[in-house]
Structures are given as C-alpha cells and as structure tokens.
Amino acid sequence: MRVSALALATIMWVGSLQVFAQAPAESSLQESITALQKQISEMQAVMEEMKAEIIRTRSETQELRQALQVARPAAATESQTSETIQKLQEEHELLSAKIDEQYQTKVESASKYPSAFPVRYW
C-alpha cells in the first residue's frame, strides 16, 4: 500500500491541527483554573469581612441588651412613681371635695339652727 504524498500531507496537517487544538484547550483550561482561583480568593475575603461584621454586630447587640436590662427597672420605677402620683392626686381631689361638702353642710346647719341652746327654766 502506497500512501500518496497528498494523503500523507493531509494526515500530518490534521495531526498538527489536533496538537494545536489541544494547546489552546490546555491554556484555556489553565486560564479558567486561574480565574476560578481568583474568584475563590475574592469570596474568601468577602466571607472574612462578613465574619468580622457578624462579630461586631453580636457585640453591639449584647451591649444594647445590657443597656436595656439596666433601663427597664428605671423605667418601671418611673412608671410606678407616676402612677403613685396620679393616685395621690385623685385621692387629694376626693378628700378636698369631701371637706368642701362638709364645710358647706356646716354652714347650712349653722344658718338653720342656732348653735346655742336656749336656757330653760323649770
């Protein structure tokens, strides 16, 4: 079997195309790997930033909870004080009204009935 020069040239040319095609594929693969590694590095940096933000937020939340626990008794005491003051004011108004009523009754009874008893002689 004799292979013609043209067939031999064609086989060599196709073989070189395959080698050439593999070289770009390998460099393309290497570029893809490099790009993925870069993305992974960027994602790791973002994750580290997020972890730091989470730690800072947790610390801030803890501080706010402690401040709230300190503020609650003060607010409750202030609320109880205002309720007590309101009750005392209502009681004062009620007692003042009763005193005014008793004073009015005394004035009316003094004008209707003399306070001195007449002296009787038997």
N, C-alpha and C. Protein backbone atom coordinates (compact mmCIF):
# COMPACT_ATOMS: atom_id res chain seq x y z
N MET A 1 0.82 -1.16 0.00
CA MET A 1 0.00 0.00 0.00
C MET A 1 0.86 1.22 0.00
N ARG A 2 0.54 1.90 -0.91
CA ARG A 2 1.29 3.10 -1.09
C ARG A 2 0.44 4.30 -0.72
N VAL A 3 0.97 5.12 0.11
CA VAL A 3 0.24 6.31 0.55
C VAL A 3 0.75 7.46 -0.30
N SER A 4 -0.17 8.15 -0.84
CA SER A 4 0.22 9.27 -1.68
C SER A 4 0.74 10.40 -0.82
N ALA A 5 1.47 11.25 -1.41
CA ALA A 5 2.05 12.39 -0.71
C ALA A 5 0.96 13.32 -0.23
N LEU A 6 -0.07 13.45 -1.02
CA LEU A 6 -1.17 14.33 -0.62
C LEU A 6 -1.86 13.77 0.62
N ALA A 7 -2.09 12.45 0.65
CA ALA A 7 -2.73 11.84 1.81
C ALA A 7 -1.84 11.98 3.03
N LEU A 8 -0.52 11.78 2.81
CA LEU A 8 0.41 11.92 3.92
C LEU A 8 0.44 13.35 4.43
N ALA A 9 0.39 14.30 3.58
CA ALA A 9 0.37 15.71 3.97
C ALA A 9 -0.91 16.03 4.71
N THR A 10 -2.01 15.44 4.23
CA THR A 10 -3.30 15.68 4.89
C THR A 10 -3.29 15.11 6.30
N ILE A 11 -2.75 13.92 6.46
CA ILE A 11 -2.68 13.29 7.78
C ILE A 11 -1.80 14.12 8.71
N MET A 12 -0.69 14.58 8.20
CA MET A 12 0.22 15.40 9.03
C MET A 12 -0.46 16.73 9.40
N TRP A 13 -1.17 17.29 8.45
CA TRP A 13 -1.82 18.58 8.72
C TRP A 13 -2.91 18.41 9.76
N VAL A 14 -3.72 17.35 9.67
CA VAL A 14 -4.77 17.08 10.65
C VAL A 14 -4.15 16.82 12.01
N GLY A 15 -3.07 16.07 12.05
CA GLY A 15 -2.38 15.80 13.31
C GLY A 15 -1.87 17.07 13.95
N SER A 16 -1.34 17.97 13.15
CA SER A 16 -0.86 19.23 13.71
C SER A 16 -2.01 20.09 14.20
N LEU A 17 -3.14 20.00 13.52
CA LEU A 17 -4.32 20.74 14.00
C LEU A 17 -4.77 20.22 15.35
N GLN A 18 -4.71 18.90 15.54
CA GLN A 18 -5.11 18.32 16.82
C GLN A 18 -4.17 18.79 17.93
N VAL A 19 -2.89 18.78 17.65
CA VAL A 19 -1.92 19.26 18.64
C VAL A 19 -2.15 20.74 18.92
N PHE A 20 -2.41 21.51 17.87
CA PHE A 20 -2.66 22.95 18.04
C PHE A 20 -3.95 23.18 18.82
N ALA A 21 -4.95 22.34 18.55
CA ALA A 21 -6.24 22.47 19.24
C ALA A 21 -6.08 22.11 20.72
N GLN A 22 -5.24 21.13 21.01
CA GLN A 22 -5.03 20.75 22.40
C GLN A 22 -4.29 21.84 23.18
N ALA A 23 -3.35 22.49 22.53
CA ALA A 23 -2.58 23.53 23.22
C ALA A 23 -3.48 24.68 23.66
N PRO A 24 -4.37 25.22 22.80
CA PRO A 24 -5.27 26.26 23.27
C PRO A 24 -6.23 25.75 24.33
N ALA A 25 -6.65 24.51 24.20
CA ALA A 25 -7.56 23.96 25.20
C ALA A 25 -6.87 23.89 26.55
N GLU A 26 -5.62 23.49 26.55
CA GLU A 26 -4.87 23.44 27.81
C GLU A 26 -4.64 24.83 28.37
N SER A 27 -4.29 25.78 27.51
CA SER A 27 -4.10 27.15 28.02
C SER A 27 -5.42 27.74 28.45
N SER A 28 -6.50 27.42 27.74
CA SER A 28 -7.82 27.88 28.13
C SER A 28 -8.22 27.28 29.47
N LEU A 29 -7.91 26.01 29.65
CA LEU A 29 -8.18 25.34 30.91
C LEU A 29 -7.39 25.97 32.05
N GLN A 30 -6.14 26.28 31.77
CA GLN A 30 -5.29 26.92 32.79
C GLN A 30 -5.84 28.30 33.14
N GLU A 31 -6.30 29.05 32.13
CA GLU A 31 -6.88 30.37 32.37
C GLU A 31 -8.15 30.25 33.20
N SER A 32 -8.97 29.26 32.92
CA SER A 32 -10.20 29.03 33.69
C SER A 32 -9.87 28.70 35.14
N ILE A 33 -8.87 27.85 35.33
CA ILE A 33 -8.47 27.50 36.69
C ILE A 33 -7.97 28.72 37.43
N THR A 34 -7.17 29.55 36.76
CA THR A 34 -6.65 30.77 37.38
C THR A 34 -7.79 31.71 37.73
N ALA A 35 -8.78 31.86 36.83
CA ALA A 35 -9.93 32.73 37.09
C ALA A 35 -10.73 32.22 38.28
N LEU A 36 -10.93 30.91 38.34
CA LEU A 36 -11.67 30.33 39.46
C LEU A 36 -10.93 30.52 40.78
N GLN A 37 -9.62 30.36 40.76
CA GLN A 37 -8.84 30.58 41.97
C GLN A 37 -8.95 32.03 42.43
N LYS A 38 -8.96 32.96 41.48
CA LYS A 38 -9.11 34.38 41.82
C LYS A 38 -10.48 34.63 42.44
N GLN A 39 -11.52 34.03 41.86
CA GLN A 39 -12.86 34.19 42.41
C GLN A 39 -12.96 33.61 43.81
N ILE A 40 -12.34 32.46 44.02
CA ILE A 40 -12.35 31.85 45.35
C ILE A 40 -11.66 32.74 46.36
N SER A 41 -10.54 33.32 45.96
CA SER A 41 -9.83 34.24 46.87
C SER A 41 -10.69 35.45 47.21
N GLU A 42 -11.37 36.01 46.22
CA GLU A 42 -12.25 37.16 46.45
C GLU A 42 -13.40 36.78 47.38
N MET A 43 -13.97 35.60 47.15
CA MET A 43 -15.07 35.14 48.00
C MET A 43 -14.61 34.91 49.43
N GLN A 44 -13.41 34.39 49.60
CA GLN A 44 -12.88 34.19 50.95
C GLN A 44 -12.68 35.53 51.65
N ALA A 45 -12.22 36.54 50.91
CA ALA A 45 -12.04 37.87 51.50
C ALA A 45 -13.39 38.45 51.92
N VAL A 46 -14.40 38.28 51.08
CA VAL A 46 -15.74 38.78 51.42
C VAL A 46 -16.28 38.05 52.64
N MET A 47 -16.05 36.73 52.70
CA MET A 47 -16.52 35.96 53.85
C MET A 47 -15.83 36.42 55.14
N GLU A 48 -14.55 36.73 55.07
CA GLU A 48 -13.84 37.22 56.25
C GLU A 48 -14.43 38.56 56.71
N GLU A 49 -14.75 39.42 55.74
CA GLU A 49 -15.38 40.70 56.09
C GLU A 49 -16.74 40.47 56.74
N MET A 50 -17.50 39.52 56.20
CA MET A 50 -18.81 39.21 56.77
C MET A 50 -18.69 38.65 58.18
N LYS A 51 -17.71 37.80 58.41
CA LYS A 51 -17.48 37.26 59.76
C LYS A 51 -17.16 38.37 60.74
N ALA A 52 -16.31 39.31 60.32
CA ALA A 52 -15.96 40.43 61.19
C ALA A 52 -17.20 41.28 61.48
N GLU A 53 -18.04 41.48 60.48
CA GLU A 53 -19.27 42.26 60.66
C GLU A 53 -20.23 41.55 61.61
N ILE A 54 -20.32 40.23 61.49
CA ILE A 54 -21.19 39.46 62.38
C ILE A 54 -20.70 39.56 63.81
N ILE A 55 -19.40 39.44 64.01
CA ILE A 55 -18.84 39.54 65.37
C ILE A 55 -19.12 40.93 65.95
N ARG A 56 -18.93 41.97 65.14
CA ARG A 56 -19.19 43.33 65.60
C ARG A 56 -20.67 43.52 65.94
N THR A 57 -21.54 42.99 65.10
CA THR A 57 -22.98 43.12 65.33
C THR A 57 -23.41 42.37 66.59
N ARG A 58 -22.86 41.20 66.81
CA ARG A 58 -23.20 40.44 68.03
C ARG A 58 -22.76 41.19 69.27
N SER A 59 -21.59 41.78 69.21
CA SER A 59 -21.09 42.54 70.35
C SER A 59 -21.99 43.75 70.62
N GLU A 60 -22.39 44.42 69.55
CA GLU A 60 -23.26 45.58 69.69
C GLU A 60 -24.62 45.18 70.26
N THR A 61 -25.14 44.05 69.80
CA THR A 61 -26.42 43.55 70.29
C THR A 61 -26.33 43.23 71.78
N GLN A 62 -25.24 42.62 72.19
CA GLN A 62 -25.06 42.29 73.61
C GLN A 62 -25.01 43.56 74.46
N GLU A 63 -24.31 44.57 73.98
CA GLU A 63 -24.25 45.84 74.71
C GLU A 63 -25.62 46.47 74.83
N LEU A 64 -26.40 46.43 73.75
CA LEU A 64 -27.75 47.00 73.78
C LEU A 64 -28.67 46.24 74.73
N ARG A 65 -28.52 44.92 74.76
CA ARG A 65 -29.33 44.13 75.70
C ARG A 65 -29.00 44.48 77.14
N GLN A 66 -27.73 44.64 77.43
CA GLN A 66 -27.34 45.00 78.79
C GLN A 66 -27.86 46.39 79.15
N ALA A 67 -27.78 47.32 78.22
CA ALA A 67 -28.30 48.67 78.47
C ALA A 67 -29.80 48.63 78.68
N LEU A 68 -30.50 47.79 77.94
CA LEU A 68 -31.95 47.65 78.09
C LEU A 68 -32.30 47.07 79.45
N GLN A 69 -31.54 46.08 79.90
CA GLN A 69 -31.80 45.49 81.21
C GLN A 69 -31.60 46.51 82.32
N VAL A 70 -30.63 47.39 82.16
CA VAL A 70 -30.40 48.43 83.16
C VAL A 70 -31.52 49.47 83.09
N ALA A 71 -31.99 49.76 81.89
CA ALA A 71 -33.01 50.80 81.71
C ALA A 71 -34.41 50.34 82.14
N ARG A 72 -34.69 49.06 82.02
CA ARG A 72 -36.03 48.56 82.36
C ARG A 72 -36.43 48.85 83.81
N PRO A 73 -35.61 48.51 84.80
CA PRO A 73 -36.02 48.82 86.18
C PRO A 73 -36.21 50.32 86.40
N ALA A 74 -35.37 51.13 85.80
CA ALA A 74 -35.53 52.58 85.95
C ALA A 74 -36.84 53.03 85.34
N ALA A 75 -37.18 52.50 84.18
CA ALA A 75 -38.44 52.86 83.53
C ALA A 75 -39.63 52.35 84.34
N ALA A 76 -39.51 51.16 84.89
CA ALA A 76 -40.59 50.61 85.72
C ALA A 76 -40.77 51.45 86.97
N THR A 77 -39.68 51.86 87.61
CA THR A 77 -39.75 52.70 88.80
C THR A 77 -40.38 54.04 88.45
N GLU A 78 -39.99 54.60 87.33
CA GLU A 78 -40.55 55.89 86.89
C GLU A 78 -42.04 55.75 86.62
N SER A 79 -42.44 54.64 86.01
CA SER A 79 -43.85 54.39 85.72
C SER A 79 -44.63 54.24 87.02
N GLN A 80 -44.06 53.49 87.97
CA GLN A 80 -44.73 53.31 89.26
C GLN A 80 -44.84 54.63 89.99
N THR A 81 -43.82 55.46 89.90
CA THR A 81 -43.84 56.76 90.55
C THR A 81 -44.94 57.63 89.96
N SER A 82 -45.05 57.65 88.65
CA SER A 82 -46.08 58.48 88.02
C SER A 82 -47.48 57.95 88.36
N GLU A 83 -47.64 56.61 88.44
CA GLU A 83 -48.92 56.04 88.84
C GLU A 83 -49.25 56.43 90.28
N THR A 84 -48.26 56.37 91.16
CA THR A 84 -48.47 56.73 92.56
C THR A 84 -48.86 58.20 92.68
N ILE A 85 -48.19 59.05 91.94
CA ILE A 85 -48.51 60.49 91.96
C ILE A 85 -49.93 60.71 91.48
N GLN A 86 -50.34 60.02 90.42
CA GLN A 86 -51.69 60.17 89.89
C GLN A 86 -52.73 59.72 90.92
N LYS A 87 -52.47 58.59 91.59
CA LYS A 87 -53.39 58.11 92.62
C LYS A 87 -53.49 59.10 93.77
N LEU A 88 -52.35 59.66 94.18
CA LEU A 88 -52.36 60.64 95.27
C LEU A 88 -53.13 61.90 94.87
N GLN A 89 -52.99 62.32 93.63
CA GLN A 89 -53.73 63.49 93.17
C GLN A 89 -55.24 63.22 93.17
N GLU A 90 -55.63 62.04 92.72
CA GLU A 90 -57.05 61.68 92.72
C GLU A 90 -57.59 61.64 94.15
N GLU A 91 -56.80 61.05 95.05
CA GLU A 91 -57.22 60.97 96.46
C GLU A 91 -57.33 62.37 97.07
N HIS A 92 -56.39 63.23 96.73
CA HIS A 92 -56.41 64.61 97.23
C HIS A 92 -57.66 65.34 96.74
N GLU A 93 -58.00 65.15 95.48
CA GLU A 93 -59.20 65.79 94.93
C GLU A 93 -60.46 65.27 95.62
N LEU A 94 -60.51 63.96 95.86
CA LEU A 94 -61.65 63.36 96.53
C LEU A 94 -61.79 63.89 97.96
N LEU A 95 -60.67 63.93 98.69
CA LEU A 95 -60.71 64.45 100.06
C LEU A 95 -61.06 65.93 100.09
N SER A 96 -60.54 66.69 99.16
CA SER A 96 -60.89 68.11 99.08
C SER A 96 -62.38 68.29 98.83
N ALA A 97 -62.94 67.47 97.95
CA ALA A 97 -64.37 67.55 97.67
C ALA A 97 -65.18 67.20 98.91
N LYS A 98 -64.75 66.18 99.67
CA LYS A 98 -65.45 65.81 100.90
C LYS A 98 -65.38 66.92 101.94
N ILE A 99 -64.20 67.53 102.06
CA ILE A 99 -64.05 68.63 103.03
C ILE A 99 -64.94 69.79 102.64
N ASP A 100 -64.97 70.13 101.35
CA ASP A 100 -65.83 71.22 100.89
C ASP A 100 -67.30 70.90 101.16
N GLU A 101 -67.69 69.65 100.96
CA GLU A 101 -69.07 69.24 101.21
C GLU A 101 -69.40 69.36 102.71
N GLN A 102 -68.48 68.92 103.55
CA GLN A 102 -68.71 69.01 104.99
C GLN A 102 -68.76 70.47 105.43
N TYR A 103 -67.92 71.30 104.87
CA TYR A 103 -67.92 72.71 105.23
C TYR A 103 -69.24 73.35 104.83
N GLN A 104 -69.72 73.01 103.63
CA GLN A 104 -70.99 73.55 103.16
C GLN A 104 -72.12 73.09 104.06
N THR A 105 -72.11 71.81 104.48
CA THR A 105 -73.13 71.28 105.38
C THR A 105 -73.08 72.02 106.71
N LYS A 106 -71.90 72.31 107.21
CA LYS A 106 -71.75 73.02 108.48
C LYS A 106 -72.30 74.43 108.36
N VAL A 107 -72.02 75.09 107.26
CA VAL A 107 -72.52 76.45 107.06
C VAL A 107 -74.04 76.44 106.99
N GLU A 108 -74.58 75.48 106.27
CA GLU A 108 -76.03 75.40 106.14
C GLU A 108 -76.69 75.09 107.48
N SER A 109 -76.10 74.18 108.23
CA SER A 109 -76.69 73.82 109.52
C SER A 109 -76.56 74.97 110.51
N ALA A 110 -75.53 75.76 110.45
CA ALA A 110 -75.37 76.89 111.36
C ALA A 110 -76.40 77.96 111.07
N SER A 111 -76.73 78.12 109.81
CA SER A 111 -77.71 79.15 109.49
C SER A 111 -79.12 78.68 109.80
N LYS A 112 -79.40 77.41 109.78
CA LYS A 112 -80.74 76.91 110.04
C LYS A 112 -81.00 76.78 111.54
N TYR A 113 -80.03 76.31 112.24
CA TYR A 113 -80.22 76.05 113.65
C TYR A 113 -79.23 76.86 114.45
N PRO A 114 -79.67 77.49 115.48
CA PRO A 114 -78.72 78.22 116.30
C PRO A 114 -77.80 77.24 117.03
N SER A 115 -76.62 77.64 117.20
CA SER A 115 -75.66 76.77 117.85
C SER A 115 -75.81 76.79 119.36
N ALA A 116 -76.36 77.86 119.91
CA ALA A 116 -76.51 77.93 121.36
C ALA A 116 -77.89 77.37 121.74
N PHE A 117 -77.93 76.59 122.78
CA PHE A 117 -79.20 76.05 123.21
C PHE A 117 -79.88 77.06 124.11
N PRO A 118 -81.14 77.23 123.93
CA PRO A 118 -81.85 78.17 124.82
C PRO A 118 -81.91 77.61 126.25
N VAL A 119 -81.85 78.50 127.15
CA VAL A 119 -81.86 78.09 128.55
C VAL A 119 -83.32 77.95 128.98
N ARG A 120 -83.62 76.87 129.56
CA ARG A 120 -84.99 76.65 130.02
C ARG A 120 -85.04 76.76 131.54
N TYR A 121 -86.08 77.33 131.91
CA TYR A 121 -86.26 77.42 133.35
C TYR A 121 -87.45 76.58 133.75
N TRP A 122 -87.39 75.76 134.61
CA TRP A 122 -88.46 74.87 135.07
C TRP A 122 -89.08 75.31 136.28
